[in-house]
Each structure stands twice: as C-alpha cells, then as structure tokens.
Amino acid sequence: MLGIVLMLFVAGMDYHIWQRLAVFGYLAAVALSVAVMLFGREINGSKRWLALGPFSFQPSEFAKVALILFLADLVTKNVKTIGKMWTLCRIMFWNIPIVGPVGASNLSTAILILGIGVILIFVASPKYAQFALMGIAGACFMGIFLALESYRLERLAIWRNPEKYEKGYQNLQGLYAIGSGGVFGVGIGNSVQKLGFVPEAQNDMIFSIICEELGLAGAGIIVFLFLLLIWRFFLIASGSRDLFGALIATGAMAHMMIQVILNIAVVTNTIPNTGITLPFISYGGTSVMFLLIEMGLVLSVSQVVD
C-alpha cells in the first residue's frame, strides 16, 4: 500500500525535479551501502539489511533507483563526449562506490546494479567497440572476484553437479517442482514442494512454485507479462522528449530485464545460484516499494511522451 501511494505521488511529479536531487540520492546510496557493511543485520549468512526498530531496510534496493537517476543525469551532462573512451570510463567509475560495498556481501545484486549502469551508457553511446574492451575487463574482474571467496567457486561446482553436493538440495528441489507442474500445474495452493522442501520458496525460488502450481502455461503467462512490461518501458524510452526521461525509462527496463532473467535462470539451474528475487512476486517489502517508486518515475516520463 505504501509503495502504491509513493508510486502515484512520484508519477504526478515532473521527473526533472529528480535530476536536481540525483547527486544527493547517489551520496545517500553510497553512505547506506557502507553502513550495511559496518552495522548491517546478518540473515542467512548475508549482511544486506539495516535495522530500523522493528523494521528492516535493504539499502541495495534504494541504490538501484538512485543510481538510475544519477547516471541518467551524468550521461545527459556529458552527452557531447559520450563516444570517447575516457568519458565512458569516468562515468563507469561512479558505479564502483556502490557496487563495491554491495558486492562484498551480495554479488548478485552488485552484478545487477553494474548491469543497469552498463546498459544506460551503452544506449547513450554512439560507439560500440569500446564496450568489447570493457566487457573483457569486466570478465577479468569477475574472475578475480570469484576466486577471492571459496564459496563462490563452490557454487559453480554445485551448479554443474547439484546432486553431488548437500548444498545442491535447493537447486534439485526447485527442478522437481518445475517438473511436477507439467503443462497446466497442480492447481493454485496445491504445491507440495513449498511445504518445506524448497528453501526460500517465497523469495528466490518462487518461480519454481509458480511452475508447479500453474504449469508451463501459467509460467509462460507470467513471462509474457514481464516481456509486455519491458516492451512498454522501451516504447516510453523511445518516445521521450528528452534524454534524461529516456534514460530513466531505459534504466527501469534494464533493471526489470536483468532481474527477471537472472531469477528464472537460477531457478531453472541455467546459471549458478545467485539469490535474486522475482520482481513484484517474491516476498520483500523494500523491493516491492522501490520497484513501485521506479514505476512511478516511468509513468511520470510517459505523461510527456511524444
């Protein structure tokens, strides 16, 4: 309910107001990301939350929205030189103060945030060859980052052979849920796997339960709805009257696209387990609230689309 109220409030505002506040939002996101490292609450071995009395707050969700606005403002101000390698590197550098602290405890969210930044710059840049070099550098950095922690390499081994490891239990149970759903599923509320068999069934693994209860047909409808939402983002970005508005819609599109792809890929064991939620469906108040705020920003841009 709070998210819907904030979405309608943001949708009714001129989105150019946020351009003037983008730097302050970015600094707040950096400060909150560092605060999580120092004072964060640890849950299931991950330190991702700040305690606010009886409530908990996940700053990485705020960081996604703040970074979209900040990079949209930064790219808009440097649009004349965006094709130069130095400008690209300088803009990409501003991802590090957020990606670094977030990645220390939540690599998947750091990858998501970095992906949003890369797509925003890619869309605005008239040259594409530089991104090949940046991609190689990014792959090297990722390799080093994975090697720094043994549990990340262990996740790769579990992904390849989940049946050989005790920690592959979640992967296997998720696949059992998908397989048992068949074409039309076992019916809403009739899932067996969510009754303690699939860990985090309400969070990261929710898509496996959707497949079990609604089957291939229901899961296909969910995927289609996400594709429709992403397509609408694309149309709003294409019809925006200015670059700042187009980049806001592009950032939201990148966020939704990457998060949906990563979540479904993890559930189907296409990639190693990363701990990414499914937008609007997985349990999590902070995530839903900031996703709705993001929708409000896009709706604000859509009101002045040509």
C-alpha atoms as a PDB file:
ATOM      1  CA  MET A   1       0.000   0.000   0.000  1.00  0.00           C
ATOM      2  CA  LEU A   2       2.839   2.381   0.859  1.00  0.00           C
ATOM      3  CA  GLY A   3       4.507   1.551  -2.456  1.00  0.00           C
ATOM      4  CA  ILE A   4       1.337   2.301  -4.429  1.00  0.00           C
ATOM      5  CA  VAL A   5       0.894   5.645  -2.654  1.00  0.00           C
ATOM      6  CA  LEU A   6       4.522   6.578  -3.377  1.00  0.00           C
ATOM      7  CA  MET A   7       4.184   5.420  -6.999  1.00  0.00           C
ATOM      8  CA  LEU A   8       1.162   7.678  -7.567  1.00  0.00           C
ATOM      9  CA  PHE A   9       2.910  10.575  -5.811  1.00  0.00           C
ATOM     10  CA  VAL A  10       6.057  10.231  -7.947  1.00  0.00           C
ATOM     11  CA  ALA A  11       4.017   9.704 -11.134  1.00  0.00           C
ATOM     12  CA  GLY A  12       2.262  13.032 -10.573  1.00  0.00           C
ATOM     13  CA  MET A  13       5.527  14.979 -10.291  1.00  0.00           C
ATOM     14  CA  ASP A  14       7.704  16.431 -13.038  1.00  0.00           C
ATOM     15  CA  TYR A  15      10.558  13.925 -13.342  1.00  0.00           C
ATOM     16  CA  HIS A  16      13.056  16.749 -13.970  1.00  0.00           C
ATOM     17  CA  ILE A  17      12.836  17.529 -10.240  1.00  0.00           C
ATOM     18  CA  TRP A  18      14.766  14.323  -9.573  1.00  0.00           C
ATOM     19  CA  GLN A  19      17.591  15.480 -11.831  1.00  0.00           C
ATOM     20  CA  ARG A  20      18.413  18.213  -9.326  1.00  0.00           C
ATOM     21  CA  LEU A  21      18.360  15.679  -6.464  1.00  0.00           C
ATOM     22  CA  ALA A  22      20.268  12.917  -8.283  1.00  0.00           C
ATOM     23  CA  VAL A  23      23.650  13.684  -6.679  1.00  0.00           C
ATOM     24  CA  PHE A  24      22.179  13.725  -3.162  1.00  0.00           C
ATOM     25  CA  GLY A  25      20.418  10.420  -3.837  1.00  0.00           C
ATOM     26  CA  TYR A  26      23.661   8.889  -5.076  1.00  0.00           C
ATOM     27  CA  LEU A  27      25.600  10.052  -1.990  1.00  0.00           C
ATOM     28  CA  ALA A  28      22.864   8.678   0.263  1.00  0.00           C
ATOM     29  CA  ALA A  29      23.043   5.323  -1.567  1.00  0.00           C
ATOM     30  CA  VAL A  30      26.823   5.154  -1.074  1.00  0.00           C
ATOM     31  CA  ALA A  31      26.502   6.056   2.615  1.00  0.00           C
ATOM     32  CA  LEU A  32      23.789   3.425   3.183  1.00  0.00           C
ATOM     33  CA  SER A  33      25.807   0.761   1.335  1.00  0.00           C
ATOM     34  CA  VAL A  34      28.810   1.421   3.581  1.00  0.00           C
ATOM     35  CA  ALA A  35      26.543   1.467   6.652  1.00  0.00           C
ATOM     36  CA  VAL A  36      25.351  -2.058   5.796  1.00  0.00           C
ATOM     37  CA  MET A  37      28.959  -3.284   5.816  1.00  0.00           C
ATOM     38  CA  LEU A  38      29.534  -1.719   9.256  1.00  0.00           C
ATOM     39  CA  PHE A  39      26.196  -2.060  11.050  1.00  0.00           C
ATOM     40  CA  GLY A  40      24.075  -4.338   8.862  1.00  0.00           C
ATOM     41  CA  ARG A  41      21.887  -7.142  10.170  1.00  0.00           C
ATOM     42  CA  GLU A  42      23.040 -10.577   9.062  1.00  0.00           C
ATOM     43  CA  ILE A  43      20.333 -13.020   7.911  1.00  0.00           C
ATOM     44  CA  ASN A  44      21.104 -16.481   6.499  1.00  0.00           C
ATOM     45  CA  GLY A  45      24.801 -15.614   6.356  1.00  0.00           C
ATOM     46  CA  SER A  46      24.278 -12.427   4.313  1.00  0.00           C
ATOM     47  CA  LYS A  47      24.604  -8.892   5.650  1.00  0.00           C
ATOM     48  CA  ARG A  48      22.150  -6.942   3.473  1.00  0.00           C
ATOM     49  CA  TRP A  49      19.743  -5.204   5.867  1.00  0.00           C
ATOM     50  CA  LEU A  50      19.744  -2.161   8.133  1.00  0.00           C
ATOM     51  CA  ALA A  51      17.543  -2.428  11.217  1.00  0.00           C
ATOM     52  CA  LEU A  52      15.090   0.431  11.769  1.00  0.00           C
ATOM     53  CA  GLY A  53      13.468  -0.531  15.055  1.00  0.00           C
ATOM     54  CA  PRO A  54      11.072  -3.420  14.356  1.00  0.00           C
ATOM     55  CA  PHE A  55      11.540  -2.968  10.600  1.00  0.00           C
ATOM     56  CA  SER A  56      14.434  -3.868   8.318  1.00  0.00           C
ATOM     57  CA  PHE A  57      15.507  -1.947   5.220  1.00  0.00           C
ATOM     58  CA  GLN A  58      17.562  -3.193   2.290  1.00  0.00           C
ATOM     59  CA  PRO A  59      19.651  -0.224   1.014  1.00  0.00           C
ATOM     60  CA  SER A  60      20.631  -2.005  -2.219  1.00  0.00           C
ATOM     61  CA  GLU A  61      17.030  -1.569  -3.448  1.00  0.00           C
ATOM     62  CA  PHE A  62      17.261   2.191  -2.907  1.00  0.00           C
ATOM     63  CA  ALA A  63      20.695   2.162  -4.578  1.00  0.00           C
ATOM     64  CA  LYS A  64      19.223   0.784  -7.826  1.00  0.00           C
ATOM     65  CA  VAL A  65      16.797   3.684  -8.188  1.00  0.00           C
ATOM     66  CA  ALA A  66      19.340   6.278  -7.010  1.00  0.00           C
ATOM     67  CA  LEU A  67      21.951   5.035  -9.486  1.00  0.00           C
ATOM     68  CA  ILE A  68      19.495   5.147 -12.409  1.00  0.00           C
ATOM     69  CA  LEU A  69      18.733   8.806 -11.685  1.00  0.00           C
ATOM     70  CA  PHE A  70      22.383   9.715 -11.056  1.00  0.00           C
ATOM     71  CA  LEU A  71      23.730   8.039 -14.204  1.00  0.00           C
ATOM     72  CA  ALA A  72      20.869   9.462 -16.292  1.00  0.00           C
ATOM     73  CA  ASP A  73      21.839  12.936 -15.078  1.00  0.00           C
ATOM     74  CA  LEU A  74      25.577  12.278 -15.585  1.00  0.00           C
ATOM     75  CA  VAL A  75      25.146  10.909 -19.115  1.00  0.00           C
ATOM     76  CA  THR A  76      22.864  13.837 -20.028  1.00  0.00           C
ATOM     77  CA  LYS A  77      25.518  16.334 -18.916  1.00  0.00           C
ATOM     78  CA  ASN A  78      28.279  14.525 -20.856  1.00  0.00           C
ATOM     79  CA  VAL A  79      26.272  13.577 -23.943  1.00  0.00           C
ATOM     80  CA  LYS A  80      28.550  15.501 -26.345  1.00  0.00           C
ATOM     81  CA  THR A  81      31.615  13.478 -25.356  1.00  0.00           C
ATOM     82  CA  ILE A  82      29.924  10.169 -24.525  1.00  0.00           C
ATOM     83  CA  GLY A  83      31.595   8.491 -27.507  1.00  0.00           C
ATOM     84  CA  LYS A  84      35.081   8.983 -26.027  1.00  0.00           C
ATOM     85  CA  MET A  85      36.630   6.145 -24.038  1.00  0.00           C
ATOM     86  CA  TRP A  86      37.732   8.472 -21.245  1.00  0.00           C
ATOM     87  CA  THR A  87      34.170   9.708 -20.733  1.00  0.00           C
ATOM     88  CA  LEU A  88      32.822   6.146 -20.638  1.00  0.00           C
ATOM     89  CA  CYS A  89      35.413   5.081 -18.071  1.00  0.00           C
ATOM     90  CA  ARG A  90      34.790   8.187 -15.979  1.00  0.00           C
ATOM     91  CA  ILE A  91      31.037   7.556 -15.897  1.00  0.00           C
ATOM     92  CA  MET A  92      31.502   3.832 -15.202  1.00  0.00           C
ATOM     93  CA  PHE A  93      33.816   4.716 -12.310  1.00  0.00           C
ATOM     94  CA  TRP A  94      30.861   6.170 -10.377  1.00  0.00           C
ATOM     95  CA  ASN A  95      29.339   2.678 -10.209  1.00  0.00           C
ATOM     96  CA  ILE A  96      32.209   1.411  -8.047  1.00  0.00           C
ATOM     97  CA  PRO A  97      31.384   3.235  -4.748  1.00  0.00           C
ATOM     98  CA  ILE A  98      28.010   1.448  -4.751  1.00  0.00           C
ATOM     99  CA  VAL A  99      28.903  -1.835  -6.480  1.00  0.00           C
ATOM    100  CA  GLY A 100      31.944  -2.394  -4.229  1.00  0.00           C
ATOM    101  CA  PRO A 101      30.207  -2.309  -0.815  1.00  0.00           C
ATOM    102  CA  VAL A 102      27.116  -4.131  -2.128  1.00  0.00           C
ATOM    103  CA  GLY A 103      29.242  -6.803  -3.824  1.00  0.00           C
ATOM    104  CA  ALA A 104      31.093  -7.551  -0.587  1.00  0.00           C
ATOM    105  CA  SER A 105      28.002  -9.323   0.770  1.00  0.00           C
ATOM    106  CA  ASN A 106      25.681  -9.626  -2.229  1.00  0.00           C
ATOM    107  CA  LEU A 107      27.463 -10.351  -5.518  1.00  0.00           C
ATOM    108  CA  SER A 108      24.265 -10.945  -7.495  1.00  0.00           C
ATOM    109  CA  THR A 109      22.813  -7.526  -6.623  1.00  0.00           C
ATOM    110  CA  ALA A 110      26.168  -5.905  -7.427  1.00  0.00           C
ATOM    111  CA  ILE A 111      26.100  -7.565 -10.860  1.00  0.00           C
ATOM    112  CA  LEU A 112      22.549  -6.296 -11.352  1.00  0.00           C
ATOM    113  CA  ILE A 113      23.470  -2.719 -10.399  1.00  0.00           C
ATOM    114  CA  LEU A 114      26.549  -2.816 -12.638  1.00  0.00           C
ATOM    115  CA  GLY A 115      24.426  -4.183 -15.494  1.00  0.00           C
ATOM    116  CA  ILE A 116      21.992  -1.275 -15.163  1.00  0.00           C
ATOM    117  CA  GLY A 117      24.901   1.182 -15.425  1.00  0.00           C
ATOM    118  CA  VAL A 118      26.412  -0.532 -18.475  1.00  0.00           C
ATOM    119  CA  ILE A 119      23.086  -0.612 -20.347  1.00  0.00           C
ATOM    120  CA  LEU A 120      22.396   3.075 -19.617  1.00  0.00           C
ATOM    121  CA  ILE A 121      25.780   4.085 -21.012  1.00  0.00           C
ATOM    122  CA  PHE A 122      25.512   1.647 -23.934  1.00  0.00           C
ATOM    123  CA  VAL A 123      22.168   3.129 -25.021  1.00  0.00           C
ATOM    124  CA  ALA A 124      23.516   6.694 -24.925  1.00  0.00           C
ATOM    125  CA  SER A 125      26.862   5.963 -26.629  1.00  0.00           C
ATOM    126  CA  PRO A 126      27.139   6.228 -30.445  1.00  0.00           C
ATOM    127  CA  LYS A 127      30.085   3.789 -30.484  1.00  0.00           C
ATOM    128  CA  TYR A 128      30.009   0.126 -29.539  1.00  0.00           C
ATOM    129  CA  ALA A 129      33.594  -1.104 -29.989  1.00  0.00           C
ATOM    130  CA  GLN A 130      34.648   0.312 -26.618  1.00  0.00           C
ATOM    131  CA  PHE A 131      32.152  -1.932 -24.850  1.00  0.00           C
ATOM    132  CA  ALA A 132      34.005  -5.018 -26.097  1.00  0.00           C
ATOM    133  CA  LEU A 133      37.115  -3.835 -24.213  1.00  0.00           C
ATOM    134  CA  MET A 134      35.032  -3.005 -21.162  1.00  0.00           C
ATOM    135  CA  GLY A 135      33.429  -6.466 -21.379  1.00  0.00           C
ATOM    136  CA  ILE A 136      36.846  -8.170 -21.381  1.00  0.00           C
ATOM    137  CA  ALA A 137      37.964  -6.069 -18.422  1.00  0.00           C
ATOM    138  CA  GLY A 138      34.714  -6.875 -16.617  1.00  0.00           C
ATOM    139  CA  ALA A 139      35.152 -10.619 -17.224  1.00  0.00           C
ATOM    140  CA  CYS A 140      38.698 -10.488 -15.813  1.00  0.00           C
ATOM    141  CA  PHE A 141      37.485  -8.565 -12.774  1.00  0.00           C
ATOM    142  CA  MET A 142      34.668 -11.084 -12.242  1.00  0.00           C
ATOM    143  CA  GLY A 143      37.108 -13.993 -12.421  1.00  0.00           C
ATOM    144  CA  ILE A 144      39.314 -12.415  -9.754  1.00  0.00           C
ATOM    145  CA  PHE A 145      36.296 -11.546  -7.610  1.00  0.00           C
ATOM    146  CA  LEU A 146      35.006 -15.134  -7.747  1.00  0.00           C
ATOM    147  CA  ALA A 147      38.416 -16.537  -6.847  1.00  0.00           C
ATOM    148  CA  LEU A 148      38.681 -14.348  -3.724  1.00  0.00           C
ATOM    149  CA  GLU A 149      35.979 -16.327  -1.915  1.00  0.00           C
ATOM    150  CA  SER A 150      35.941 -20.132  -1.940  1.00  0.00           C
ATOM    151  CA  TYR A 151      32.168 -20.356  -1.502  1.00  0.00           C
ATOM    152  CA  ARG A 152      31.675 -18.650  -4.883  1.00  0.00           C
ATOM    153  CA  LEU A 153      33.756 -21.305  -6.624  1.00  0.00           C
ATOM    154  CA  GLU A 154      31.798 -23.906  -4.666  1.00  0.00           C
ATOM    155  CA  ARG A 155      28.574 -22.523  -6.134  1.00  0.00           C
ATOM    156  CA  LEU A 156      29.961 -23.138  -9.625  1.00  0.00           C
ATOM    157  CA  ALA A 157      30.664 -26.775  -8.712  1.00  0.00           C
ATOM    158  CA  ILE A 158      27.173 -27.173  -7.215  1.00  0.00           C
ATOM    159  CA  TRP A 159      25.632 -25.702 -10.352  1.00  0.00           C
ATOM    160  CA  ARG A 160      27.410 -28.229 -12.559  1.00  0.00           C
ATOM    161  CA  ASN A 161      26.582 -31.251 -10.355  1.00  0.00           C
ATOM    162  CA  PRO A 162      23.895 -30.337  -7.795  1.00  0.00           C
ATOM    163  CA  GLU A 163      23.197 -33.992  -6.953  1.00  0.00           C
ATOM    164  CA  LYS A 164      26.759 -34.477  -5.669  1.00  0.00           C
ATOM    165  CA  TYR A 165      26.599 -31.762  -3.010  1.00  0.00           C
ATOM    166  CA  GLU A 166      24.460 -31.295   0.067  1.00  0.00           C
ATOM    167  CA  LYS A 167      24.101 -27.603  -0.786  1.00  0.00           C
ATOM    168  CA  GLY A 168      22.639 -28.582  -4.175  1.00  0.00           C
ATOM    169  CA  TYR A 169      19.413 -29.516  -2.355  1.00  0.00           C
ATOM    170  CA  GLN A 170      17.702 -26.202  -3.185  1.00  0.00           C
ATOM    171  CA  ASN A 171      18.572 -26.469  -6.887  1.00  0.00           C
ATOM    172  CA  LEU A 172      17.263 -30.030  -7.130  1.00  0.00           C
ATOM    173  CA  GLN A 173      14.044 -29.375  -5.209  1.00  0.00           C
ATOM    174  CA  GLY A 174      13.342 -26.359  -7.429  1.00  0.00           C
ATOM    175  CA  LEU A 175      13.766 -28.517 -10.532  1.00  0.00           C
ATOM    176  CA  TYR A 176      11.485 -31.189  -9.013  1.00  0.00           C
ATOM    177  CA  ALA A 177       8.835 -28.501  -8.501  1.00  0.00           C
ATOM    178  CA  ILE A 178       9.120 -27.337 -12.105  1.00  0.00           C
ATOM    179  CA  GLY A 179       8.949 -30.891 -13.439  1.00  0.00           C
ATOM    180  CA  SER A 180       5.972 -31.913 -11.300  1.00  0.00           C
ATOM    181  CA  GLY A 181       3.887 -28.998 -12.582  1.00  0.00           C
ATOM    182  CA  GLY A 182       3.615 -30.385 -16.108  1.00  0.00           C
ATOM    183  CA  VAL A 183       1.730 -28.304 -18.663  1.00  0.00           C
ATOM    184  CA  PHE A 184      -1.153 -26.952 -16.551  1.00  0.00           C
ATOM    185  CA  GLY A 185       0.130 -27.413 -12.990  1.00  0.00           C
ATOM    186  CA  VAL A 186      -1.308 -28.996  -9.854  1.00  0.00           C
ATOM    187  CA  GLY A 187      -3.542 -26.009  -9.070  1.00  0.00           C
ATOM    188  CA  ILE A 188      -3.156 -22.797  -7.082  1.00  0.00           C
ATOM    189  CA  GLY A 189      -2.333 -23.563  -3.447  1.00  0.00           C
ATOM    190  CA  ASN A 190      -1.736 -27.255  -4.102  1.00  0.00           C
ATOM    191  CA  SER A 191       2.067 -27.150  -4.245  1.00  0.00           C
ATOM    192  CA  VAL A 192       3.800 -29.910  -2.317  1.00  0.00           C
ATOM    193  CA  GLN A 193       7.333 -28.576  -2.771  1.00  0.00           C
ATOM    194  CA  LYS A 194       6.657 -25.306  -0.933  1.00  0.00           C
ATOM    195  CA  LEU A 195       5.752 -27.240   2.237  1.00  0.00           C
ATOM    196  CA  GLY A 196       9.335 -27.265   3.453  1.00  0.00           C
ATOM    197  CA  PHE A 197      11.026 -28.956   0.505  1.00  0.00           C
ATOM    198  CA  VAL A 198      12.104 -25.865  -1.481  1.00  0.00           C
ATOM    199  CA  PRO A 199      14.155 -23.488   0.733  1.00  0.00           C
ATOM    200  CA  GLU A 200      13.202 -19.805   0.314  1.00  0.00           C
ATOM    201  CA  ALA A 201      10.127 -20.812  -1.707  1.00  0.00           C
ATOM    202  CA  GLN A 202       8.570 -17.378  -1.068  1.00  0.00           C
ATOM    203  CA  ASN A 203      11.716 -15.491  -2.136  1.00  0.00           C
ATOM    204  CA  ASP A 204      14.341 -16.528  -4.680  1.00  0.00           C
ATOM    205  CA  MET A 205      12.645 -19.803  -5.673  1.00  0.00           C
ATOM    206  CA  ILE A 206       9.086 -18.511  -6.117  1.00  0.00           C
ATOM    207  CA  PHE A 207       9.133 -19.143  -9.880  1.00  0.00           C
ATOM    208  CA  SER A 208       9.581 -22.881  -9.295  1.00  0.00           C
ATOM    209  CA  ILE A 209       6.375 -22.878  -7.217  1.00  0.00           C
ATOM    210  CA  ILE A 210       4.599 -20.930  -9.975  1.00  0.00           C
ATOM    211  CA  CYS A 211       5.676 -23.641 -12.422  1.00  0.00           C
ATOM    212  CA  GLU A 212       4.431 -26.353 -10.062  1.00  0.00           C
ATOM    213  CA  GLU A 213       1.028 -24.783  -9.353  1.00  0.00           C
ATOM    214  CA  LEU A 214       0.311 -23.199 -12.747  1.00  0.00           C
ATOM    215  CA  GLY A 215       2.417 -25.408 -15.007  1.00  0.00           C
ATOM    216  CA  LEU A 216       4.190 -24.431 -18.182  1.00  0.00           C
ATOM    217  CA  ALA A 217       1.115 -22.499 -19.357  1.00  0.00           C
ATOM    218  CA  GLY A 218       0.916 -20.331 -16.224  1.00  0.00           C
ATOM    219  CA  ALA A 219       4.660 -19.747 -16.104  1.00  0.00           C
ATOM    220  CA  GLY A 220       4.535 -18.731 -19.776  1.00  0.00           C
ATOM    221  CA  ILE A 221       1.840 -16.151 -18.974  1.00  0.00           C
ATOM    222  CA  ILE A 222       3.993 -14.692 -16.163  1.00  0.00           C
ATOM    223  CA  VAL A 223       6.981 -14.428 -18.523  1.00  0.00           C
ATOM    224  CA  PHE A 224       4.750 -12.819 -21.182  1.00  0.00           C
ATOM    225  CA  LEU A 225       3.561 -10.184 -18.682  1.00  0.00           C
ATOM    226  CA  PHE A 226       7.151  -9.313 -17.816  1.00  0.00           C
ATOM    227  CA  LEU A 227       8.001  -9.068 -21.530  1.00  0.00           C
ATOM    228  CA  LEU A 228       4.983  -6.785 -22.038  1.00  0.00           C
ATOM    229  CA  LEU A 229       6.136  -4.537 -19.190  1.00  0.00           C
ATOM    230  CA  ILE A 230       9.678  -4.385 -20.608  1.00  0.00           C
ATOM    231  CA  TRP A 231       8.248  -3.582 -24.063  1.00  0.00           C
ATOM    232  CA  ARG A 232       6.230  -0.713 -22.603  1.00  0.00           C
ATOM    233  CA  PHE A 233       9.411   0.656 -20.982  1.00  0.00           C
ATOM    234  CA  PHE A 234      11.079   0.518 -24.397  1.00  0.00           C
ATOM    235  CA  LEU A 235       8.224   2.428 -26.056  1.00  0.00           C
ATOM    236  CA  ILE A 236       8.244   5.099 -23.344  1.00  0.00           C
ATOM    237  CA  ALA A 237      12.029   5.489 -23.627  1.00  0.00           C
ATOM    238  CA  SER A 238      11.822   5.720 -27.429  1.00  0.00           C
ATOM    239  CA  GLY A 239       9.105   8.381 -27.301  1.00  0.00           C
ATOM    240  CA  SER A 240      10.575  10.515 -24.522  1.00  0.00           C
ATOM    241  CA  ARG A 241      11.061  14.171 -25.379  1.00  0.00           C
ATOM    242  CA  ASP A 242      14.479  14.418 -23.731  1.00  0.00           C
ATOM    243  CA  LEU A 243      17.457  12.188 -22.981  1.00  0.00           C
ATOM    244  CA  PHE A 244      17.021  12.288 -19.213  1.00  0.00           C
ATOM    245  CA  GLY A 245      13.499  10.877 -19.437  1.00  0.00           C
ATOM    246  CA  ALA A 246      14.581   8.273 -21.971  1.00  0.00           C
ATOM    247  CA  LEU A 247      17.390   7.116 -19.698  1.00  0.00           C
ATOM    248  CA  ILE A 248      15.072   6.822 -16.680  1.00  0.00           C
ATOM    249  CA  ALA A 249      12.787   4.500 -18.660  1.00  0.00           C
ATOM    250  CA  THR A 250      15.824   2.643 -20.034  1.00  0.00           C
ATOM    251  CA  GLY A 251      17.237   2.161 -16.551  1.00  0.00           C
ATOM    252  CA  ALA A 252      13.933   0.760 -15.304  1.00  0.00           C
ATOM    253  CA  MET A 253      13.788  -1.516 -18.351  1.00  0.00           C
ATOM    254  CA  ALA A 254      17.344  -2.747 -17.693  1.00  0.00           C
ATOM    255  CA  HIS A 255      16.577  -3.345 -14.020  1.00  0.00           C
ATOM    256  CA  MET A 256      13.448  -5.367 -14.762  1.00  0.00           C
ATOM    257  CA  MET A 257      15.012  -7.296 -17.638  1.00  0.00           C
ATOM    258  CA  ILE A 258      18.219  -8.313 -15.829  1.00  0.00           C
ATOM    259  CA  GLN A 259      16.453  -9.233 -12.581  1.00  0.00           C
ATOM    260  CA  VAL A 260      13.811 -11.389 -14.284  1.00  0.00           C
ATOM    261  CA  ILE A 261      16.399 -13.154 -16.457  1.00  0.00           C
ATOM    262  CA  LEU A 262      18.713 -13.847 -13.501  1.00  0.00           C
ATOM    263  CA  ASN A 263      15.926 -15.137 -11.259  1.00  0.00           C
ATOM    264  CA  ILE A 264      14.435 -17.511 -13.848  1.00  0.00           C
ATOM    265  CA  ALA A 265      17.903 -18.653 -14.929  1.00  0.00           C
ATOM    266  CA  VAL A 266      18.790 -19.534 -11.307  1.00  0.00           C
ATOM    267  CA  VAL A 267      15.518 -21.389 -10.689  1.00  0.00           C
ATOM    268  CA  THR A 268      15.963 -23.459 -13.860  1.00  0.00           C
ATOM    269  CA  ASN A 269      19.656 -24.057 -12.935  1.00  0.00           C
ATOM    270  CA  THR A 270      20.797 -22.323 -16.126  1.00  0.00           C
ATOM    271  CA  ILE A 271      23.286 -20.280 -14.067  1.00  0.00           C
ATOM    272  CA  PRO A 272      24.724 -20.755 -10.551  1.00  0.00           C
ATOM    273  CA  ASN A 273      22.567 -19.779  -7.586  1.00  0.00           C
ATOM    274  CA  THR A 274      22.791 -16.017  -7.006  1.00  0.00           C
ATOM    275  CA  GLY A 275      19.953 -15.025  -4.675  1.00  0.00           C
ATOM    276  CA  ILE A 276      17.986 -12.665  -6.939  1.00  0.00           C
ATOM    277  CA  THR A 277      14.262 -12.145  -6.303  1.00  0.00           C
ATOM    278  CA  LEU A 278      11.485 -12.120  -8.915  1.00  0.00           C
ATOM    279  CA  PRO A 279      10.145  -8.537  -9.264  1.00  0.00           C
ATOM    280  CA  PHE A 280       6.681  -7.869  -7.754  1.00  0.00           C
ATOM    281  CA  ILE A 281       6.215 -11.565  -6.874  1.00  0.00           C
ATOM    282  CA  SER A 282       8.941 -12.577  -4.417  1.00  0.00           C
ATOM    283  CA  TYR A 283       8.415 -11.691  -0.757  1.00  0.00           C
ATOM    284  CA  GLY A 284      10.167  -8.494   0.345  1.00  0.00           C
ATOM    285  CA  GLY A 285       8.693  -5.147   1.315  1.00  0.00           C
ATOM    286  CA  THR A 286      11.705  -2.982   0.444  1.00  0.00           C
ATOM    287  CA  SER A 287      11.974  -4.496  -3.028  1.00  0.00           C
ATOM    288  CA  VAL A 288       8.298  -4.030  -3.891  1.00  0.00           C
ATOM    289  CA  MET A 289       8.223  -0.470  -2.552  1.00  0.00           C
ATOM    290  CA  PHE A 290      11.197   0.732  -4.582  1.00  0.00           C
ATOM    291  CA  LEU A 291      10.020  -1.142  -7.683  1.00  0.00           C
ATOM    292  CA  LEU A 292       6.735   0.753  -7.439  1.00  0.00           C
ATOM    293  CA  ILE A 293       8.605   4.042  -6.978  1.00  0.00           C
ATOM    294  CA  GLU A 294      10.551   3.155 -10.123  1.00  0.00           C
ATOM    295  CA  MET A 295       7.255   2.537 -11.924  1.00  0.00           C
ATOM    296  CA  GLY A 296       6.126   5.984 -10.764  1.00  0.00           C
ATOM    297  CA  LEU A 297       9.205   7.537 -12.365  1.00  0.00           C
ATOM    298  CA  VAL A 298       8.456   5.793 -15.661  1.00  0.00           C
ATOM    299  CA  LEU A 299       4.800   6.820 -15.505  1.00  0.00           C
ATOM    300  CA  SER A 300       5.962  10.408 -14.957  1.00  0.00           C
ATOM    301  CA  VAL A 301       8.095  10.174 -18.121  1.00  0.00           C
ATOM    302  CA  SER A 302       5.225   8.565 -20.058  1.00  0.00           C
ATOM    303  CA  GLN A 303       2.968  11.568 -19.452  1.00  0.00           C
ATOM    304  CA  VAL A 304       5.150  13.700 -21.725  1.00  0.00           C
ATOM    305  CA  VAL A 305       5.911  11.090 -24.384  1.00  0.00           C
ATOM    306  CA  ASP A 306       5.612  12.309 -27.976  1.00  0.00           C
END
